[in-house]
Protein backbone atom coordinates (compact mmCIF):
# COMPACT_ATOMS: atom_id res chain seq x y z
CA VAL A 1 -17.98 7.81 -7.61
CA GLN A 2 -20.59 8.89 -4.89
CA LEU A 3 -20.46 12.38 -3.13
CA GLN A 4 -22.42 12.91 0.18
CA ALA A 5 -22.75 16.57 1.22
CA SER A 6 -23.76 17.42 4.74
CA GLY A 7 -23.68 20.03 7.41
CA GLY A 8 -26.14 22.64 6.18
CA GLY A 9 -28.49 24.43 8.29
CA LEU A 10 -30.14 27.55 9.52
CA VAL A 11 -27.54 30.11 10.92
CA GLN A 12 -27.81 33.90 11.97
CA ALA A 13 -25.84 36.23 10.01
CA GLY A 14 -22.14 36.34 11.14
CA GLY A 15 -22.25 32.73 11.95
CA SER A 16 -20.42 29.73 10.69
CA LEU A 17 -20.96 26.30 9.36
CA ARG A 18 -18.80 23.66 8.37
CA LEU A 19 -19.93 21.51 5.18
CA SER A 20 -18.75 18.09 4.71
CA CYS A 21 -18.55 15.98 1.64
CA ALA A 22 -17.85 12.15 1.85
CA ALA A 23 -16.33 10.82 -1.21
CA SER A 24 -16.34 7.12 -2.08
CA GLY A 25 -16.07 4.65 -5.13
CA ARG A 26 -12.41 5.19 -5.90
CA THR A 27 -9.12 7.06 -4.98
CA PHE A 28 -8.96 10.64 -5.66
CA GLU A 29 -5.32 11.22 -5.94
CA SER A 30 -5.84 12.76 -9.58
CA TYR A 31 -8.92 14.63 -8.61
CA VAL A 32 -9.78 18.02 -7.95
CA MET A 33 -12.77 18.58 -5.48
CA GLY A 34 -15.12 21.54 -5.58
CA TRP A 35 -18.05 23.28 -3.92
CA PHE A 36 -20.65 24.97 -5.79
CA ARG A 37 -23.95 26.67 -4.69
CA GLN A 38 -27.29 27.67 -6.14
CA ALA A 39 -29.57 30.08 -4.88
CA PRO A 40 -33.23 30.16 -5.84
CA GLY A 41 -33.53 31.68 -9.49
CA LYS A 42 -30.00 31.91 -9.78
CA GLU A 43 -27.20 29.99 -11.74
CA ARG A 44 -24.78 27.57 -9.99
CA GLU A 45 -22.03 29.50 -8.60
CA PHE A 46 -18.44 28.38 -8.14
CA VAL A 47 -17.38 28.69 -4.25
CA ALA A 48 -14.10 26.84 -3.95
CA SER A 49 -11.79 23.90 -5.16
CA ILE A 50 -8.88 21.94 -3.79
CA ILE A 51 -6.47 19.54 -5.71
CA TRP A 52 -6.71 16.42 -3.78
CA SER A 53 -3.24 15.30 -4.24
CA ARG A 54 -1.29 18.64 -3.30
CA GLY A 55 -3.95 20.74 -1.47
CA GLY A 56 -3.87 23.82 -3.72
CA THR A 57 -6.94 25.66 -3.34
CA TYR A 58 -8.88 28.42 -5.44
CA TYR A 59 -11.76 30.60 -4.37
CA GLY A 60 -14.81 32.55 -5.92
CA ASP A 61 -14.31 36.32 -5.34
CA SER A 62 -17.54 36.48 -3.10
CA VAL A 63 -16.08 34.13 -0.63
CA LYS A 64 -12.42 34.88 -0.35
CA GLY A 65 -11.27 35.47 3.10
CA ARG A 66 -14.35 33.96 4.79
CA PHE A 67 -14.59 30.42 3.50
CA THR A 68 -11.69 27.73 3.58
CA ILE A 69 -11.62 24.37 1.63
CA SER A 70 -9.67 21.55 2.98
CA ARG A 71 -9.64 17.81 2.63
CA ASP A 72 -9.06 14.83 4.90
CA LYS A 73 -7.37 12.08 2.89
CA ALA A 74 -7.63 9.34 5.49
CA GLU A 75 -11.45 10.00 5.61
CA ASN A 76 -11.96 10.68 1.94
CA THR A 77 -13.78 13.95 2.91
CA VAL A 78 -13.69 17.35 1.75
CA PHE A 79 -14.73 20.20 4.11
CA LEU A 80 -16.01 23.87 3.50
CA GLN A 81 -15.59 25.92 6.61
CA THR A 82 -17.99 28.95 6.18
CA ASN A 83 -17.44 31.91 8.39
CA SER A 84 -18.99 35.64 8.57
CA LEU A 85 -22.00 34.23 6.77
CA THR A 86 -24.39 36.75 5.09
CA PRO A 87 -27.99 36.33 3.80
CA GLU A 88 -26.64 36.34 0.44
CA ASP A 89 -24.71 33.02 1.30
CA THR A 90 -28.24 31.28 1.40
CA ALA A 91 -28.26 28.46 -1.16
CA VAL A 92 -27.97 24.72 -1.75
CA TYR A 93 -24.42 23.75 -1.56
CA TYR A 94 -23.05 21.03 -3.75
CA CYS A 95 -19.81 19.28 -3.80
CA ALA A 96 -18.42 17.95 -6.88
CA ALA A 97 -15.51 15.93 -8.25
CA ARG A 98 -13.34 16.54 -11.23
CA ARG A 99 -11.13 13.75 -12.82
CA LEU A 100 -8.24 16.07 -13.88
CA SER A 101 -6.14 17.59 -11.29
CA THR A 102 -6.33 21.26 -12.64
CA LEU A 103 -8.35 23.80 -10.92
CA THR A 104 -11.37 25.29 -12.68
CA MET A 105 -14.37 27.24 -11.61
CA ARG A 106 -16.79 26.16 -14.38
CA PRO A 107 -19.38 23.42 -13.13
CA LYS A 108 -19.35 21.67 -16.78
CA ASP A 109 -15.74 20.63 -15.82
CA TYR A 110 -17.01 18.50 -12.85
CA GLU A 111 -18.12 15.03 -13.96
CA TYR A 112 -19.61 13.89 -10.46
CA TRP A 113 -21.91 15.87 -8.23
CA GLY A 114 -23.56 15.18 -4.75
CA GLN A 115 -26.96 15.95 -3.78
CA GLY A 116 -26.60 19.32 -2.00
CA THR A 117 -27.14 20.56 1.37
CA LEU A 118 -28.94 23.71 2.08
CA VAL A 119 -27.59 26.62 3.99
CA THR A 120 -30.08 29.39 5.19
CA VAL A 121 -28.53 32.44 6.66
CA SER A 122 -31.17 34.78 8.48
CA SER A 123 -30.61 38.48 9.03
């Protein structure tokens, strides 16, 4: 399984970015796909996850109502639409894949990780 995250960049507070994670190497019908983030000096934080087959979603408290996770089965791609960004959202964002189709927010439950994409929000 290979995961390639993209879409990060520099944005002003209040702005938006759409992150993408291209997945390859197998079919993902039984998988959960997730987004995590890690700011300098902080632990990796759960952002959102989605059940690939049914589309059920789960969000971290800090992003509820602002971020939306989705997937395009035909393109084997997971998206994270980030809105109303604040400087506290500044971090490297990672996509991850979990072989079991149960939602979880623990990083250790995800077996595969992408390389990360940097999001910087200026005030």
